[in-house]
Amino acid sequence: MRVIPTLSLLLLLGALTVQVDAAETAIPDALVAAGEKPVLTLHAEGAQVYECKTDKDGKLAWTFREPIATLVADGKTVGRHSAGPSWEHQDGSIIGGRVQGTAIGATDNDIAWLKLEVVSHRGGKGVLSDVTTVQRINTAGGKLEGACETAGQFRSVAYSADYVFLRKE
């Protein structure tokens, strides 16, 4: 039995499953983008980074700092997701967003689903050039809450999600 071809097949099937799941996901009302249609759906694997800071009550608590994730299509890396938040495709197109809606994740450990309005475009013409809205759905993991011990300490929590990029019809 050859392990590499079997592993490749499993990875391909996994990527196909992600795309089907994203296409069949029921979108909560708070995330609906009326009058827009999907351009692209990418799967993200990465981490949500948190920093230990003093909260409004003067107590140390984990505060979200930034995402760091690889964007994947058909089992291949095609971009990255990072602070801003921003998404960069391998074709050079880059967008930045601002949260417009939220919905709770499937479990207590899952970060929220989001609807983000695109507020900036950079990098020239590419697949993200006409995108006006981004939906983060099917989240798994990534959540960190509660007290921490040392200000300035960082912690990364693994997460995955599907990002649906939409444009006006």
C-alpha atoms as a PDB file:
ATOM      1  CA  MET A   1       0.000   0.000   0.000  1.00  0.00           C
ATOM      2  CA  ARG A   2       1.365   3.393  -0.970  1.00  0.00           C
ATOM      3  CA  VAL A   3       0.780   5.941   1.789  1.00  0.00           C
ATOM      4  CA  ILE A   4       1.430   9.136  -0.193  1.00  0.00           C
ATOM      5  CA  PRO A   5      -1.279   8.598  -2.863  1.00  0.00           C
ATOM      6  CA  THR A   6      -3.761   7.550  -0.177  1.00  0.00           C
ATOM      7  CA  LEU A   7      -2.947  10.620   1.914  1.00  0.00           C
ATOM      8  CA  SER A   8      -3.249  12.866  -1.161  1.00  0.00           C
ATOM      9  CA  LEU A   9      -6.651  11.380  -1.935  1.00  0.00           C
ATOM     10  CA  LEU A  10      -7.814  11.925   1.644  1.00  0.00           C
ATOM     11  CA  LEU A  11      -6.623  15.540   1.583  1.00  0.00           C
ATOM     12  CA  LEU A  12      -8.400  16.127  -1.733  1.00  0.00           C
ATOM     13  CA  LEU A  13     -11.607  14.579  -0.425  1.00  0.00           C
ATOM     14  CA  GLY A  14     -11.308  16.699   2.725  1.00  0.00           C
ATOM     15  CA  ALA A  15     -10.950  19.881   0.667  1.00  0.00           C
ATOM     16  CA  LEU A  16     -13.967  18.920  -1.437  1.00  0.00           C
ATOM     17  CA  THR A  17     -15.978  18.267   1.709  1.00  0.00           C
ATOM     18  CA  VAL A  18     -15.104  21.726   3.030  1.00  0.00           C
ATOM     19  CA  GLN A  19     -16.385  23.349  -0.159  1.00  0.00           C
ATOM     20  CA  VAL A  20     -19.621  21.365  -0.118  1.00  0.00           C
ATOM     21  CA  ASP A  21     -20.177  22.116   3.578  1.00  0.00           C
ATOM     22  CA  ALA A  22     -19.648  25.851   3.014  1.00  0.00           C
ATOM     23  CA  ALA A  23     -22.053  25.860   0.068  1.00  0.00           C
ATOM     24  CA  GLU A  24     -24.735  24.064   2.089  1.00  0.00           C
ATOM     25  CA  THR A  25     -24.345  26.057   5.313  1.00  0.00           C
ATOM     26  CA  ALA A  26     -27.426  27.936   6.494  1.00  0.00           C
ATOM     27  CA  ILE A  27     -26.407  31.565   6.994  1.00  0.00           C
ATOM     28  CA  PRO A  28     -27.828  33.249  10.134  1.00  0.00           C
ATOM     29  CA  ASP A  29     -29.918  36.384   9.495  1.00  0.00           C
ATOM     30  CA  ALA A  30     -27.244  38.659  11.030  1.00  0.00           C
ATOM     31  CA  LEU A  31     -24.782  37.550   8.329  1.00  0.00           C
ATOM     32  CA  VAL A  32     -26.999  37.656   5.238  1.00  0.00           C
ATOM     33  CA  ALA A  33     -25.646  39.856   2.443  1.00  0.00           C
ATOM     34  CA  ALA A  34     -28.775  40.721   0.457  1.00  0.00           C
ATOM     35  CA  GLY A  35     -28.186  41.486  -3.212  1.00  0.00           C
ATOM     36  CA  GLU A  36     -24.731  39.892  -3.183  1.00  0.00           C
ATOM     37  CA  LYS A  37     -23.461  36.650  -4.651  1.00  0.00           C
ATOM     38  CA  PRO A  38     -20.474  34.476  -3.739  1.00  0.00           C
ATOM     39  CA  VAL A  39     -17.289  34.978  -5.750  1.00  0.00           C
ATOM     40  CA  LEU A  40     -15.065  32.540  -3.873  1.00  0.00           C
ATOM     41  CA  THR A  41     -15.038  30.354  -0.745  1.00  0.00           C
ATOM     42  CA  LEU A  42     -11.726  29.585   0.936  1.00  0.00           C
ATOM     43  CA  HIS A  43     -10.964  27.429   3.939  1.00  0.00           C
ATOM     44  CA  ALA A  44      -8.678  28.887   6.614  1.00  0.00           C
ATOM     45  CA  GLU A  45      -6.399  27.030   9.018  1.00  0.00           C
ATOM     46  CA  GLY A  46      -4.462  29.018  11.572  1.00  0.00           C
ATOM     47  CA  ALA A  47      -4.575  30.657  14.966  1.00  0.00           C
ATOM     48  CA  GLN A  48      -6.346  33.426  16.805  1.00  0.00           C
ATOM     49  CA  VAL A  49      -3.704  35.346  18.790  1.00  0.00           C
ATOM     50  CA  TYR A  50      -4.558  36.830  22.179  1.00  0.00           C
ATOM     51  CA  GLU A  51      -2.663  39.186  24.489  1.00  0.00           C
ATOM     52  CA  CYS A  52      -2.944  39.437  28.261  1.00  0.00           C
ATOM     53  CA  LYS A  53      -4.098  42.994  29.059  1.00  0.00           C
ATOM     54  CA  THR A  54      -5.832  44.909  31.812  1.00  0.00           C
ATOM     55  CA  ASP A  55      -9.589  45.070  31.166  1.00  0.00           C
ATOM     56  CA  LYS A  56     -12.015  47.899  32.019  1.00  0.00           C
ATOM     57  CA  ASP A  57     -12.334  46.543  35.578  1.00  0.00           C
ATOM     58  CA  GLY A  58      -8.572  46.640  36.130  1.00  0.00           C
ATOM     59  CA  LYS A  59      -8.184  42.839  35.927  1.00  0.00           C
ATOM     60  CA  LEU A  60      -5.892  40.928  33.612  1.00  0.00           C
ATOM     61  CA  ALA A  61      -7.791  39.173  30.815  1.00  0.00           C
ATOM     62  CA  TRP A  62      -7.139  37.696  27.386  1.00  0.00           C
ATOM     63  CA  THR A  63      -7.812  40.228  24.623  1.00  0.00           C
ATOM     64  CA  PHE A  64      -8.026  39.315  20.949  1.00  0.00           C
ATOM     65  CA  ARG A  65      -5.039  40.684  19.029  1.00  0.00           C
ATOM     66  CA  GLU A  66      -5.023  39.210  15.499  1.00  0.00           C
ATOM     67  CA  PRO A  67      -5.691  36.219  13.278  1.00  0.00           C
ATOM     68  CA  ILE A  68      -2.929  34.385  11.444  1.00  0.00           C
ATOM     69  CA  ALA A  69      -4.200  31.866   8.914  1.00  0.00           C
ATOM     70  CA  THR A  70      -3.474  30.172   5.624  1.00  0.00           C
ATOM     71  CA  LEU A  71      -6.223  30.306   2.998  1.00  0.00           C
ATOM     72  CA  VAL A  72      -6.716  27.057   1.100  1.00  0.00           C
ATOM     73  CA  ALA A  73      -8.590  26.060  -2.079  1.00  0.00           C
ATOM     74  CA  ASP A  74      -8.591  22.568  -3.551  1.00  0.00           C
ATOM     75  CA  GLY A  75      -5.985  21.488  -0.992  1.00  0.00           C
ATOM     76  CA  LYS A  76      -3.516  24.218  -2.031  1.00  0.00           C
ATOM     77  CA  THR A  77      -2.439  27.396  -0.262  1.00  0.00           C
ATOM     78  CA  VAL A  78      -3.801  30.404  -2.163  1.00  0.00           C
ATOM     79  CA  GLY A  79      -3.451  33.219   0.340  1.00  0.00           C
ATOM     80  CA  ARG A  80      -3.355  34.396   3.907  1.00  0.00           C
ATOM     81  CA  HIS A  81      -5.551  36.067   6.490  1.00  0.00           C
ATOM     82  CA  SER A  82      -4.080  38.461   9.025  1.00  0.00           C
ATOM     83  CA  ALA A  83      -4.584  41.538  11.204  1.00  0.00           C
ATOM     84  CA  GLY A  84      -6.794  44.333   9.994  1.00  0.00           C
ATOM     85  CA  PRO A  85      -8.576  42.019   9.356  1.00  0.00           C
ATOM     86  CA  SER A  86      -7.252  41.476   5.863  1.00  0.00           C
ATOM     87  CA  TRP A  87      -7.224  38.743   3.250  1.00  0.00           C
ATOM     88  CA  GLU A  88      -4.547  38.457   0.595  1.00  0.00           C
ATOM     89  CA  HIS A  89      -4.895  36.214  -2.454  1.00  0.00           C
ATOM     90  CA  GLN A  90      -1.873  34.838  -4.328  1.00  0.00           C
ATOM     91  CA  ASP A  91      -2.917  36.918  -7.364  1.00  0.00           C
ATOM     92  CA  GLY A  92      -1.968  40.048  -5.376  1.00  0.00           C
ATOM     93  CA  SER A  93      -5.464  41.297  -4.576  1.00  0.00           C
ATOM     94  CA  ILE A  94      -5.899  42.323  -0.925  1.00  0.00           C
ATOM     95  CA  ILE A  95      -8.990  43.427   0.985  1.00  0.00           C
ATOM     96  CA  GLY A  96      -9.579  44.787   4.465  1.00  0.00           C
ATOM     97  CA  GLY A  97     -12.809  44.482   6.415  1.00  0.00           C
ATOM     98  CA  ARG A  98     -14.861  45.789   9.315  1.00  0.00           C
ATOM     99  CA  VAL A  99     -17.327  43.677  11.331  1.00  0.00           C
ATOM    100  CA  GLN A 100     -20.984  44.349  10.509  1.00  0.00           C
ATOM    101  CA  GLY A 101     -22.704  41.319  12.066  1.00  0.00           C
ATOM    102  CA  THR A 102     -22.036  38.356  14.349  1.00  0.00           C
ATOM    103  CA  ALA A 103     -23.536  34.970  15.195  1.00  0.00           C
ATOM    104  CA  ILE A 104     -22.399  32.488  17.828  1.00  0.00           C
ATOM    105  CA  GLY A 105     -20.180  29.554  16.898  1.00  0.00           C
ATOM    106  CA  ALA A 106     -21.424  25.958  17.121  1.00  0.00           C
ATOM    107  CA  THR A 107     -19.728  25.265  20.485  1.00  0.00           C
ATOM    108  CA  ASP A 108     -18.409  27.315  23.419  1.00  0.00           C
ATOM    109  CA  ASN A 109     -14.857  26.868  22.054  1.00  0.00           C
ATOM    110  CA  ASP A 110     -15.644  28.242  18.587  1.00  0.00           C
ATOM    111  CA  ILE A 111     -15.112  31.873  17.639  1.00  0.00           C
ATOM    112  CA  ALA A 112     -18.123  33.759  16.330  1.00  0.00           C
ATOM    113  CA  TRP A 113     -19.307  33.700  12.745  1.00  0.00           C
ATOM    114  CA  LEU A 114     -18.954  37.150  11.178  1.00  0.00           C
ATOM    115  CA  LYS A 115     -20.205  39.366   8.395  1.00  0.00           C
ATOM    116  CA  LEU A 116     -17.554  41.912   7.409  1.00  0.00           C
ATOM    117  CA  GLU A 117     -17.942  44.902   5.122  1.00  0.00           C
ATOM    118  CA  VAL A 118     -14.958  45.365   2.818  1.00  0.00           C
ATOM    119  CA  VAL A 119     -13.520  48.822   3.525  1.00  0.00           C
ATOM    120  CA  SER A 120     -10.301  48.694   1.481  1.00  0.00           C
ATOM    121  CA  HIS A 121      -8.954  47.171  -1.739  1.00  0.00           C
ATOM    122  CA  ARG A 122      -5.252  47.003  -2.615  1.00  0.00           C
ATOM    123  CA  GLY A 123      -2.944  45.132  -4.926  1.00  0.00           C
ATOM    124  CA  GLY A 124      -4.583  45.673  -8.279  1.00  0.00           C
ATOM    125  CA  LYS A 125      -7.006  43.537 -10.242  1.00  0.00           C
ATOM    126  CA  GLY A 126      -7.569  40.045  -8.900  1.00  0.00           C
ATOM    127  CA  VAL A 127     -10.178  37.660  -7.559  1.00  0.00           C
ATOM    128  CA  LEU A 128     -10.810  39.854  -4.475  1.00  0.00           C
ATOM    129  CA  SER A 129     -10.996  43.150  -6.418  1.00  0.00           C
ATOM    130  CA  ASP A 130     -14.804  43.300  -6.602  1.00  0.00           C
ATOM    131  CA  VAL A 131     -15.520  41.741  -3.202  1.00  0.00           C
ATOM    132  CA  THR A 132     -17.807  43.862  -0.996  1.00  0.00           C
ATOM    133  CA  THR A 133     -18.590  41.475   1.880  1.00  0.00           C
ATOM    134  CA  VAL A 134     -16.840  38.599   3.650  1.00  0.00           C
ATOM    135  CA  GLN A 135     -18.645  35.982   5.725  1.00  0.00           C
ATOM    136  CA  ARG A 136     -16.717  33.875   8.258  1.00  0.00           C
ATOM    137  CA  ILE A 137     -18.678  30.664   8.799  1.00  0.00           C
ATOM    138  CA  ASN A 138     -18.171  27.074   9.991  1.00  0.00           C
ATOM    139  CA  THR A 139     -15.724  28.127  12.683  1.00  0.00           C
ATOM    140  CA  ALA A 140     -13.985  25.525  14.839  1.00  0.00           C
ATOM    141  CA  GLY A 141     -11.887  26.501  17.856  1.00  0.00           C
ATOM    142  CA  GLY A 142     -10.047  29.782  18.281  1.00  0.00           C
ATOM    143  CA  LYS A 143     -11.756  31.056  21.426  1.00  0.00           C
ATOM    144  CA  LEU A 144      -9.852  32.084  24.562  1.00  0.00           C
ATOM    145  CA  GLU A 145     -11.498  33.911  27.432  1.00  0.00           C
ATOM    146  CA  GLY A 146     -10.934  34.597  31.087  1.00  0.00           C
ATOM    147  CA  ALA A 147      -8.135  35.665  33.356  1.00  0.00           C
ATOM    148  CA  CYS A 148      -4.439  35.514  32.558  1.00  0.00           C
ATOM    149  CA  GLU A 149      -1.388  35.934  34.749  1.00  0.00           C
ATOM    150  CA  THR A 150       1.129  38.298  33.145  1.00  0.00           C
ATOM    151  CA  ALA A 151       0.423  41.474  31.152  1.00  0.00           C
ATOM    152  CA  GLY A 152       2.016  41.304  27.719  1.00  0.00           C
ATOM    153  CA  GLN A 153       1.855  37.511  27.549  1.00  0.00           C
ATOM    154  CA  PHE A 154       0.590  36.052  24.224  1.00  0.00           C
ATOM    155  CA  ARG A 155      -1.314  32.879  23.510  1.00  0.00           C
ATOM    156  CA  SER A 156      -2.356  31.389  20.160  1.00  0.00           C
ATOM    157  CA  VAL A 157      -5.427  29.189  19.826  1.00  0.00           C
ATOM    158  CA  ALA A 158      -5.832  26.994  16.733  1.00  0.00           C
ATOM    159  CA  TYR A 159      -8.925  27.606  14.609  1.00  0.00           C
ATOM    160  CA  SER A 160     -10.402  26.883  11.233  1.00  0.00           C
ATOM    161  CA  ALA A 161     -13.168  28.596   9.308  1.00  0.00           C
ATOM    162  CA  ASP A 162     -14.594  29.066   5.859  1.00  0.00           C
ATOM    163  CA  TYR A 163     -14.483  32.550   4.339  1.00  0.00           C
ATOM    164  CA  VAL A 164     -17.099  33.346   1.723  1.00  0.00           C
ATOM    165  CA  PHE A 165     -16.210  36.352  -0.438  1.00  0.00           C
ATOM    166  CA  LEU A 166     -19.216  38.101  -2.011  1.00  0.00           C
ATOM    167  CA  ARG A 167     -19.832  40.937  -4.443  1.00  0.00           C
ATOM    168  CA  LYS A 168     -22.873  42.965  -5.408  1.00  0.00           C
ATOM    169  CA  GLU A 169     -25.010  41.375  -8.134  1.00  0.00           C
END
